[in-house]
PDB file of all heavy atoms in Angstrom:
ATOM      1  N   LEU A   1     -90.711   7.775 -35.251  1.00  0.00           N
ATOM      2  CA  LEU A   1     -91.273   9.124 -35.336  1.00  0.00           C
ATOM      3  C   LEU A   1     -92.628   9.156 -35.969  1.00  0.00           C
ATOM      4  O   LEU A   1     -93.437  10.043 -35.645  1.00  0.00           O
ATOM      5  CB  LEU A   1     -90.336   9.984 -36.217  1.00  0.00           C
ATOM      6  CG  LEU A   1     -88.944  10.386 -35.627  1.00  0.00           C
ATOM      7  CD1 LEU A   1     -88.103  11.026 -36.706  1.00  0.00           C
ATOM      8  CD2 LEU A   1     -89.127  11.306 -34.434  1.00  0.00           C
ATOM      9  N   THR A   2     -92.992   8.210 -36.825  1.00  0.00           N
ATOM     10  CA  THR A   2     -94.174   8.346 -37.642  1.00  0.00           C
ATOM     11  C   THR A   2     -95.229   7.242 -37.556  1.00  0.00           C
ATOM     12  O   THR A   2     -96.358   7.480 -37.966  1.00  0.00           O
ATOM     13  CB  THR A   2     -93.765   8.463 -39.128  1.00  0.00           C
ATOM     14  OG1 THR A   2     -93.156   7.242 -39.560  1.00  0.00           O
ATOM     15  CG2 THR A   2     -92.831   9.618 -39.354  1.00  0.00           C
ATOM     16  N   GLN A   3     -94.867   6.087 -37.027  1.00  0.00           N
ATOM     17  CA  GLN A   3     -95.786   4.929 -37.136  1.00  0.00           C
ATOM     18  C   GLN A   3     -96.498   4.721 -35.812  1.00  0.00           C
ATOM     19  O   GLN A   3     -96.018   4.092 -34.886  1.00  0.00           O
ATOM     20  CB  GLN A   3     -95.018   3.652 -37.502  1.00  0.00           C
ATOM     21  CG  GLN A   3     -95.937   2.519 -37.865  1.00  0.00           C
ATOM     22  CD  GLN A   3     -95.180   1.323 -38.378  1.00  0.00           C
ATOM     23  OE1 GLN A   3     -94.355   0.765 -37.706  1.00  0.00           O
ATOM     24  NE2 GLN A   3     -95.466   0.917 -39.609  1.00  0.00           N
ATOM     25  N   ALA A   4     -97.704   5.303 -35.744  1.00  0.00           N
ATOM     26  CA  ALA A   4     -98.496   5.255 -34.487  1.00  0.00           C
ATOM     27  C   ALA A   4     -99.372   3.984 -34.453  1.00  0.00           C
ATOM     28  O   ALA A   4    -100.593   4.046 -34.437  1.00  0.00           O
ATOM     29  CB  ALA A   4     -99.352   6.481 -34.358  1.00  0.00           C
ATOM     30  N   GLN A   5     -98.726   2.800 -34.415  1.00  0.00           N
ATOM     31  CA  GLN A   5     -99.496   1.558 -34.469  1.00  0.00           C
ATOM     32  C   GLN A   5    -100.359   1.303 -33.227  1.00  0.00           C
ATOM     33  O   GLN A   5    -101.473   0.863 -33.319  1.00  0.00           O
ATOM     34  CB  GLN A   5     -98.509   0.372 -34.637  1.00  0.00           C
ATOM     35  CG  GLN A   5     -98.103   0.073 -36.073  1.00  0.00           C
ATOM     36  CD  GLN A   5     -97.260  -1.179 -36.144  1.00  0.00           C
ATOM     37  OE1 GLN A   5     -96.326  -1.371 -35.343  1.00  0.00           O
ATOM     38  NE2 GLN A   5     -97.539  -2.016 -37.104  1.00  0.00           N
ATOM     39  N   ALA A   6     -99.743   1.531 -32.055  1.00  0.00           N
ATOM     40  CA  ALA A   6    -100.418   1.122 -30.826  1.00  0.00           C
ATOM     41  C   ALA A   6     -99.802   1.910 -29.671  1.00  0.00           C
ATOM     42  O   ALA A   6     -98.736   2.534 -29.804  1.00  0.00           O
ATOM     43  CB  ALA A   6    -100.248  -0.392 -30.583  1.00  0.00           C
ATOM     44  N   LEU A   7    -100.449   1.833 -28.512  1.00  0.00           N
ATOM     45  CA  LEU A   7     -99.964   2.459 -27.306  1.00  0.00           C
ATOM     46  C   LEU A   7     -98.743   1.628 -26.783  1.00  0.00           C
ATOM     47  O   LEU A   7     -98.875   0.454 -26.458  1.00  0.00           O
ATOM     48  CB  LEU A   7    -101.020   2.510 -26.209  1.00  0.00           C
ATOM     49  CG  LEU A   7    -100.521   3.059 -24.875  1.00  0.00           C
ATOM     50  CD1 LEU A   7    -100.044   4.524 -24.977  1.00  0.00           C
ATOM     51  CD2 LEU A   7    -101.662   2.961 -23.817  1.00  0.00           C
ATOM     52  N   LEU A   8     -97.616   2.254 -26.775  1.00  0.00           N
ATOM     53  CA  LEU A   8     -96.386   1.606 -26.285  1.00  0.00           C
ATOM     54  C   LEU A   8     -96.151   1.968 -24.831  1.00  0.00           C
ATOM     55  O   LEU A   8     -96.441   3.073 -24.360  1.00  0.00           O
ATOM     56  CB  LEU A   8     -95.176   2.073 -27.076  1.00  0.00           C
ATOM     57  CG  LEU A   8     -95.212   1.911 -28.627  1.00  0.00           C
ATOM     58  CD1 LEU A   8     -93.845   2.247 -29.198  1.00  0.00           C
ATOM     59  CD2 LEU A   8     -95.630   0.493 -28.994  1.00  0.00           C
ATOM     60  N   HIS A   9     -95.506   1.054 -24.104  1.00  0.00           N
ATOM     61  CA  HIS A   9     -94.966   1.367 -22.796  1.00  0.00           C
ATOM     62  C   HIS A   9     -93.852   2.411 -22.967  1.00  0.00           C
ATOM     63  O   HIS A   9     -93.720   3.352 -22.213  1.00  0.00           O
ATOM     64  CB  HIS A   9     -94.399   0.085 -22.165  1.00  0.00           C
ATOM     65  CG  HIS A   9     -93.731   0.268 -20.850  1.00  0.00           C
ATOM     66  ND1 HIS A   9     -92.451   0.818 -20.714  1.00  0.00           N
ATOM     67  CD2 HIS A   9     -94.131  -0.026 -19.561  1.00  0.00           C
ATOM     68  CE1 HIS A   9     -92.090   0.850 -19.459  1.00  0.00           C
ATOM     69  NE2 HIS A   9     -93.100   0.339 -18.745  1.00  0.00           N
ATOM     70  N   GLY A  10     -93.010   2.222 -23.995  1.00  0.00           N
ATOM     71  CA  GLY A  10     -91.994   3.192 -24.372  1.00  0.00           C
ATOM     72  C   GLY A  10     -90.632   3.013 -23.719  1.00  0.00           C
ATOM     73  O   GLY A  10     -89.679   3.645 -24.180  1.00  0.00           O
ATOM     74  N   ASP A  11     -90.528   2.210 -22.649  1.00  0.00           N
ATOM     75  CA  ASP A  11     -89.281   2.056 -21.983  1.00  0.00           C
ATOM     76  C   ASP A  11     -89.254   0.675 -21.286  1.00  0.00           C
ATOM     77  O   ASP A  11     -88.916   0.566 -20.104  1.00  0.00           O
ATOM     78  CB  ASP A  11     -89.063   3.167 -20.955  1.00  0.00           C
ATOM     79  CG  ASP A  11     -87.616   3.286 -20.464  1.00  0.00           C
ATOM     80  OD1 ASP A  11     -86.711   2.924 -21.236  1.00  0.00           O
ATOM     81  OD2 ASP A  11     -87.410   3.778 -19.348  1.00  0.00           O
ATOM     82  N   LEU A  12     -89.601  -0.362 -22.039  1.00  0.00           N
ATOM     83  CA  LEU A  12     -89.898  -1.656 -21.444  1.00  0.00           C
ATOM     84  C   LEU A  12     -88.606  -2.484 -21.337  1.00  0.00           C
ATOM     85  O   LEU A  12     -88.419  -3.477 -22.022  1.00  0.00           O
ATOM     86  CB  LEU A  12     -90.960  -2.380 -22.285  1.00  0.00           C
ATOM     87  CG  LEU A  12     -91.619  -3.610 -21.644  1.00  0.00           C
ATOM     88  CD1 LEU A  12     -92.217  -3.294 -20.309  1.00  0.00           C
ATOM     89  CD2 LEU A  12     -92.668  -4.179 -22.587  1.00  0.00           C
ATOM     90  N   HIS A  13     -87.726  -2.089 -20.430  1.00  0.00           N
ATOM     91  CA  HIS A  13     -86.509  -2.847 -20.148  1.00  0.00           C
ATOM     92  C   HIS A  13     -86.661  -3.640 -18.855  1.00  0.00           C
ATOM     93  O   HIS A  13     -87.677  -3.524 -18.158  1.00  0.00           O
ATOM     94  CB  HIS A  13     -85.323  -1.903 -20.099  1.00  0.00           C
ATOM     95  CG  HIS A  13     -85.462  -0.779 -19.128  1.00  0.00           C
ATOM     96  ND1 HIS A  13     -85.357  -0.929 -17.759  1.00  0.00           N
ATOM     97  CD2 HIS A  13     -85.695   0.566 -19.314  1.00  0.00           C
ATOM     98  CE1 HIS A  13     -85.529   0.251 -17.148  1.00  0.00           C
ATOM     99  NE2 HIS A  13     -85.745   1.152 -18.090  1.00  0.00           N
ATOM    100  N   THR A  14     -85.639  -4.425 -18.533  1.00  0.00           N
ATOM    101  CA  THR A  14     -85.741  -5.325 -17.379  1.00  0.00           C
ATOM    102  C   THR A  14     -85.671  -4.565 -16.056  1.00  0.00           C
ATOM    103  O   THR A  14     -85.927  -5.145 -15.009  1.00  0.00           O
ATOM    104  CB  THR A  14     -84.683  -6.399 -17.423  1.00  0.00           C
ATOM    105  OG1 THR A  14     -83.382  -5.804 -17.629  1.00  0.00           O
ATOM    106  CG2 THR A  14     -84.937  -7.399 -18.532  1.00  0.00           C
ATOM    107  N   GLY A  15     -85.350  -3.289 -16.101  1.00  0.00           N
ATOM    108  CA  GLY A  15     -85.474  -2.422 -14.902  1.00  0.00           C
ATOM    109  C   GLY A  15     -86.873  -1.890 -14.704  1.00  0.00           C
ATOM    110  O   GLY A  15     -87.155  -1.257 -13.646  1.00  0.00           O
ATOM    111  N   SER A  16     -87.754  -2.082 -15.671  1.00  0.00           N
ATOM    112  CA  SER A  16     -89.121  -1.611 -15.592  1.00  0.00           C
ATOM    113  C   SER A  16     -90.098  -2.796 -15.405  1.00  0.00           C
ATOM    114  O   SER A  16     -91.300  -2.639 -15.708  1.00  0.00           O
ATOM    115  CB  SER A  16     -89.537  -0.822 -16.837  1.00  0.00           C
ATOM    116  OG  SER A  16     -88.748   0.362 -16.914  1.00  0.00           O
ATOM    117  N   ILE A  17     -89.549  -3.914 -14.994  1.00  0.00           N
ATOM    118  CA  ILE A  17     -90.372  -5.122 -14.818  1.00  0.00           C
ATOM    119  C   ILE A  17     -90.050  -5.724 -13.454  1.00  0.00           C
ATOM    120  O   ILE A  17     -88.876  -5.938 -13.126  1.00  0.00           O
ATOM    121  CB  ILE A  17     -90.119  -6.158 -15.904  1.00  0.00           C
ATOM    122  CG1 ILE A  17     -90.448  -5.572 -17.310  1.00  0.00           C
ATOM    123  CG2 ILE A  17     -90.901  -7.432 -15.697  1.00  0.00           C
ATOM    124  CD1 ILE A  17     -89.948  -6.431 -18.465  1.00  0.00           C
ATOM    125  N   PHE A  18     -91.077  -5.933 -12.629  1.00  0.00           N
ATOM    126  CA  PHE A  18     -90.911  -6.625 -11.371  1.00  0.00           C
ATOM    127  C   PHE A  18     -91.329  -8.071 -11.567  1.00  0.00           C
ATOM    128  O   PHE A  18     -92.306  -8.397 -12.269  1.00  0.00           O
ATOM    129  CB  PHE A  18     -91.780  -5.998 -10.297  1.00  0.00           C
ATOM    130  CG  PHE A  18     -91.192  -4.829  -9.590  1.00  0.00           C
ATOM    131  CD1 PHE A  18     -91.879  -3.653  -9.450  1.00  0.00           C
ATOM    132  CD2 PHE A  18     -89.933  -4.932  -9.010  1.00  0.00           C
ATOM    133  CE1 PHE A  18     -91.339  -2.567  -8.757  1.00  0.00           C
ATOM    134  CE2 PHE A  18     -89.396  -3.881  -8.302  1.00  0.00           C
ATOM    135  CZ  PHE A  18     -90.070  -2.683  -8.206  1.00  0.00           C
ATOM    136  N   VAL A  19     -90.588  -8.977 -10.923  1.00  0.00           N
ATOM    137  CA  VAL A  19     -90.831 -10.396 -11.146  1.00  0.00           C
ATOM    138  C   VAL A  19     -90.764 -11.188  -9.815  1.00  0.00           C
ATOM    139  O   VAL A  19     -90.073 -10.834  -8.890  1.00  0.00           O
ATOM    140  CB  VAL A  19     -89.792 -11.050 -12.140  1.00  0.00           C
ATOM    141  CG1 VAL A  19     -90.126 -10.641 -13.545  1.00  0.00           C
ATOM    142  CG2 VAL A  19     -88.382 -10.675 -11.761  1.00  0.00           C
ATOM    143  N   LYS A  20     -91.506 -12.274  -9.817  1.00  0.00           N
ATOM    144  CA  LYS A  20     -91.375 -13.367  -8.924  1.00  0.00           C
ATOM    145  C   LYS A  20     -91.340 -14.625  -9.791  1.00  0.00           C
ATOM    146  O   LYS A  20     -91.678 -14.564 -10.972  1.00  0.00           O
ATOM    147  CB  LYS A  20     -92.541 -13.456  -7.902  1.00  0.00           C
ATOM    148  CG  LYS A  20     -92.583 -12.258  -6.964  1.00  0.00           C
ATOM    149  CD  LYS A  20     -93.529 -12.497  -5.779  1.00  0.00           C
ATOM    150  CE  LYS A  20     -94.972 -12.596  -6.231  1.00  0.00           C
ATOM    151  NZ  LYS A  20     -95.890 -12.638  -5.025  1.00  0.00           N
ATOM    152  N   PRO A  21     -90.961 -15.763  -9.235  1.00  0.00           N
ATOM    153  CA  PRO A  21     -90.928 -16.968 -10.113  1.00  0.00           C
ATOM    154  C   PRO A  21     -92.272 -17.243 -10.816  1.00  0.00           C
ATOM    155  O   PRO A  21     -92.278 -17.795 -11.915  1.00  0.00           O
ATOM    156  CB  PRO A  21     -90.548 -18.074  -9.145  1.00  0.00           C
ATOM    157  CG  PRO A  21     -89.707 -17.386  -8.103  1.00  0.00           C
ATOM    158  CD  PRO A  21     -90.343 -16.035  -7.918  1.00  0.00           C
ATOM    159  N   ASP A  22     -93.359 -16.812 -10.187  1.00  0.00           N
ATOM    160  CA  ASP A  22     -94.644 -17.152 -10.767  1.00  0.00           C
ATOM    161  C   ASP A  22     -95.487 -15.922 -11.123  1.00  0.00           C
ATOM    162  O   ASP A  22     -96.675 -16.016 -11.450  1.00  0.00           O
ATOM    163  CB  ASP A  22     -95.492 -18.005  -9.768  1.00  0.00           C
ATOM    164  CG  ASP A  22     -95.739 -17.262  -8.437  1.00  0.00           C
ATOM    165  OD1 ASP A  22     -95.096 -16.220  -8.201  1.00  0.00           O
ATOM    166  OD2 ASP A  22     -96.571 -17.746  -7.669  1.00  0.00           O
ATOM    167  N   SER A  23     -94.884 -14.734 -11.132  1.00  0.00           N
ATOM    168  CA  SER A  23     -95.683 -13.514 -11.364  1.00  0.00           C
ATOM    169  C   SER A  23     -94.791 -12.440 -11.983  1.00  0.00           C
ATOM    170  O   SER A  23     -93.587 -12.361 -11.719  1.00  0.00           O
ATOM    171  CB  SER A  23     -96.249 -13.011 -10.043  1.00  0.00           C
ATOM    172  OG  SER A  23     -97.068 -11.857 -10.250  1.00  0.00           O
ATOM    173  N   THR A  24     -95.419 -11.588 -12.803  1.00  0.00           N
ATOM    174  CA  THR A  24     -94.718 -10.506 -13.509  1.00  0.00           C
ATOM    175  C   THR A  24     -95.589  -9.267 -13.444  1.00  0.00           C
ATOM    176  O   THR A  24     -96.780  -9.300 -13.620  1.00  0.00           O
ATOM    177  CB  THR A  24     -94.498 -10.867 -15.002  1.00  0.00           C
ATOM    178  OG1 THR A  24     -93.823 -12.146 -15.060  1.00  0.00           O
ATOM    179  CG2 THR A  24     -93.673  -9.824 -15.716  1.00  0.00           C
ATOM    180  N   LYS A  25     -94.936  -8.120 -13.187  1.00  0.00           N
ATOM    181  CA  LYS A  25     -95.636  -6.826 -13.157  1.00  0.00           C
ATOM    182  C   LYS A  25     -94.811  -5.809 -13.934  1.00  0.00           C
ATOM    183  O   LYS A  25     -93.614  -5.610 -13.714  1.00  0.00           O
ATOM    184  CB  LYS A  25     -95.809  -6.323 -11.731  1.00  0.00           C
ATOM    185  CG  LYS A  25     -96.675  -7.223 -10.833  1.00  0.00           C
ATOM    186  CD  LYS A  25     -98.140  -7.022 -11.051  1.00  0.00           C
ATOM    187  CE  LYS A  25     -98.959  -7.803  -9.987  1.00  0.00           C
ATOM    188  NZ  LYS A  25    -100.420  -7.602 -10.150  1.00  0.00           N
ATOM    189  N   VAL A  26     -95.471  -5.116 -14.849  1.00  0.00           N
ATOM    190  CA  VAL A  26     -94.830  -4.081 -15.692  1.00  0.00           C
ATOM    191  C   VAL A  26     -95.107  -2.713 -15.052  1.00  0.00           C
ATOM    192  O   VAL A  26     -96.249  -2.382 -14.748  1.00  0.00           O
ATOM    193  CB  VAL A  26     -95.379  -4.126 -17.133  1.00  0.00           C
ATOM    194  CG1 VAL A  26     -94.795  -3.002 -17.951  1.00  0.00           C
ATOM    195  CG2 VAL A  26     -95.062  -5.484 -17.764  1.00  0.00           C
ATOM    196  N   ILE A  27     -94.033  -1.935 -14.831  1.00  0.00           N
ATOM    197  CA  ILE A  27     -94.164  -0.624 -14.156  1.00  0.00           C
ATOM    198  C   ILE A  27     -93.563   0.455 -15.049  1.00  0.00           C
ATOM    199  O   ILE A  27     -93.049   0.202 -16.138  1.00  0.00           O
ATOM    200  CB  ILE A  27     -93.464  -0.662 -12.814  1.00  0.00           C
ATOM    201  CG1 ILE A  27     -91.927  -0.886 -12.983  1.00  0.00           C
ATOM    202  CG2 ILE A  27     -94.037  -1.741 -11.918  1.00  0.00           C
ATOM    203  CD1 ILE A  27     -91.101  -0.653 -11.742  1.00  0.00           C
ATOM    204  N   ASP A  28     -93.703   1.686 -14.591  1.00  0.00           N
ATOM    205  CA  ASP A  28     -92.995   2.852 -15.109  1.00  0.00           C
ATOM    206  C   ASP A  28     -93.257   3.181 -16.600  1.00  0.00           C
ATOM    207  O   ASP A  28     -92.319   3.411 -17.378  1.00  0.00           O
ATOM    208  CB  ASP A  28     -91.492   2.703 -14.930  1.00  0.00           C
ATOM    209  CG  ASP A  28     -91.052   2.797 -13.482  1.00  0.00           C
ATOM    210  OD1 ASP A  28     -91.895   3.176 -12.638  1.00  0.00           O
ATOM    211  OD2 ASP A  28     -89.868   2.478 -13.179  1.00  0.00           O
ATOM    212  N   PRO A  29     -94.503   3.292 -17.057  1.00  0.00           N
ATOM    213  CA  PRO A  29     -94.734   3.595 -18.489  1.00  0.00           C
ATOM    214  C   PRO A  29     -94.794   5.104 -18.761  1.00  0.00           C
ATOM    215  O   PRO A  29     -95.631   5.568 -19.549  1.00  0.00           O
ATOM    216  CB  PRO A  29     -96.070   2.935 -18.720  1.00  0.00           C
ATOM    217  CG  PRO A  29     -96.807   3.091 -17.428  1.00  0.00           C
ATOM    218  CD  PRO A  29     -95.759   2.963 -16.345  1.00  0.00           C
ATOM    219  N   GLU A  30     -93.913   5.897 -18.152  1.00  0.00           N
ATOM    220  CA  GLU A  30     -93.987   7.349 -18.388  1.00  0.00           C
ATOM    221  C   GLU A  30     -93.547   7.755 -19.777  1.00  0.00           C
ATOM    222  O   GLU A  30     -93.810   8.871 -20.200  1.00  0.00           O
ATOM    223  CB  GLU A  30     -93.186   8.103 -17.317  1.00  0.00           C
ATOM    224  CG  GLU A  30     -91.718   7.826 -17.279  1.00  0.00           C
ATOM    225  CD  GLU A  30     -91.066   8.329 -16.016  1.00  0.00           C
ATOM    226  OE1 GLU A  30     -91.317   9.497 -15.667  1.00  0.00           O
ATOM    227  OE2 GLU A  30     -90.352   7.555 -15.369  1.00  0.00           O
ATOM    228  N   PHE A  31     -92.835   6.872 -20.507  1.00  0.00           N
ATOM    229  CA  PHE A  31     -92.457   7.138 -21.867  1.00  0.00           C
ATOM    230  C   PHE A  31     -93.568   6.714 -22.855  1.00  0.00           C
ATOM    231  O   PHE A  31     -93.352   6.714 -24.049  1.00  0.00           O
ATOM    232  CB  PHE A  31     -91.174   6.372 -22.209  1.00  0.00           C
ATOM    233  CG  PHE A  31     -89.917   7.058 -21.716  1.00  0.00           C
ATOM    234  CD1 PHE A  31     -89.562   6.963 -20.382  1.00  0.00           C
ATOM    235  CD2 PHE A  31     -89.086   7.740 -22.586  1.00  0.00           C
ATOM    236  CE1 PHE A  31     -88.401   7.569 -19.915  1.00  0.00           C
ATOM    237  CE2 PHE A  31     -87.918   8.325 -22.144  1.00  0.00           C
ATOM    238  CZ  PHE A  31     -87.586   8.256 -20.794  1.00  0.00           C
ATOM    239  N   ALA A  32     -94.729   6.410 -22.352  1.00  0.00           N
ATOM    240  CA  ALA A  32     -95.822   5.862 -23.179  1.00  0.00           C
ATOM    241  C   ALA A  32     -96.186   6.869 -24.287  1.00  0.00           C
ATOM    242  O   ALA A  32     -96.285   8.071 -24.047  1.00  0.00           O
ATOM    243  CB  ALA A  32     -97.059   5.542 -22.345  1.00  0.00           C
ATOM    244  N   PHE A  33     -96.454   6.346 -25.461  1.00  0.00           N
ATOM    245  CA  PHE A  33     -96.956   7.096 -26.583  1.00  0.00           C
ATOM    246  C   PHE A  33     -97.400   6.085 -27.648  1.00  0.00           C
ATOM    247  O   PHE A  33     -97.220   4.908 -27.491  1.00  0.00           O
ATOM    248  CB  PHE A  33     -95.863   8.029 -27.149  1.00  0.00           C
ATOM    249  CG  PHE A  33     -94.888   7.391 -28.082  1.00  0.00           C
ATOM    250  CD1 PHE A  33     -94.867   7.722 -29.410  1.00  0.00           C
ATOM    251  CD2 PHE A  33     -93.984   6.436 -27.613  1.00  0.00           C
ATOM    252  CE1 PHE A  33     -93.928   7.118 -30.264  1.00  0.00           C
ATOM    253  CE2 PHE A  33     -93.074   5.824 -28.466  1.00  0.00           C
ATOM    254  CZ  PHE A  33     -93.082   6.163 -29.799  1.00  0.00           C
ATOM    255  N   PHE A  34     -98.030   6.572 -28.725  1.00  0.00           N
ATOM    256  CA  PHE A  34     -98.430   5.695 -29.793  1.00  0.00           C
ATOM    257  C   PHE A  34     -97.316   5.578 -30.810  1.00  0.00           C
ATOM    258  O   PHE A  34     -96.901   6.575 -31.421  1.00  0.00           O
ATOM    259  CB  PHE A  34     -99.722   6.183 -30.428  1.00  0.00           C
ATOM    260  CG  PHE A  34    -100.948   5.666 -29.774  1.00  0.00           C
ATOM    261  CD1 PHE A  34    -101.307   6.150 -28.515  1.00  0.00           C
ATOM    262  CD2 PHE A  34    -101.719   4.663 -30.328  1.00  0.00           C
ATOM    263  CE1 PHE A  34    -102.453   5.652 -27.852  1.00  0.00           C
ATOM    264  CE2 PHE A  34    -102.839   4.178 -29.689  1.00  0.00           C
ATOM    265  CZ  PHE A  34    -103.202   4.655 -28.472  1.00  0.00           C
ATOM    266  N   GLY A  35     -96.781   4.380 -30.971  1.00  0.00           N
ATOM    267  CA  GLY A  35     -95.611   4.155 -31.847  1.00  0.00           C
ATOM    268  C   GLY A  35     -95.621   2.747 -32.398  1.00  0.00           C
ATOM    269  O   GLY A  35     -96.618   2.015 -32.301  1.00  0.00           O
ATOM    270  N   PRO A  36     -94.504   2.357 -33.011  1.00  0.00           N
ATOM    271  CA  PRO A  36     -94.439   1.012 -33.707  1.00  0.00           C
ATOM    272  C   PRO A  36     -94.294  -0.110 -32.675  1.00  0.00           C
ATOM    273  O   PRO A  36     -93.486  -0.033 -31.726  1.00  0.00           O
ATOM    274  CB  PRO A  36     -93.134   1.117 -34.499  1.00  0.00           C
ATOM    275  CG  PRO A  36     -92.303   2.141 -33.805  1.00  0.00           C
ATOM    276  CD  PRO A  36     -93.283   3.132 -33.226  1.00  0.00           C
TER     277      PRO A  36
END
């Protein structure tokens, strides 16, 4: 609630990450806000 350290993705689970054996892409940061 109170610690605005940095911009967070906010919902960074394995359903919000696309992968290939040699590549990674982070998607869906709609929960983004400044937090811990």
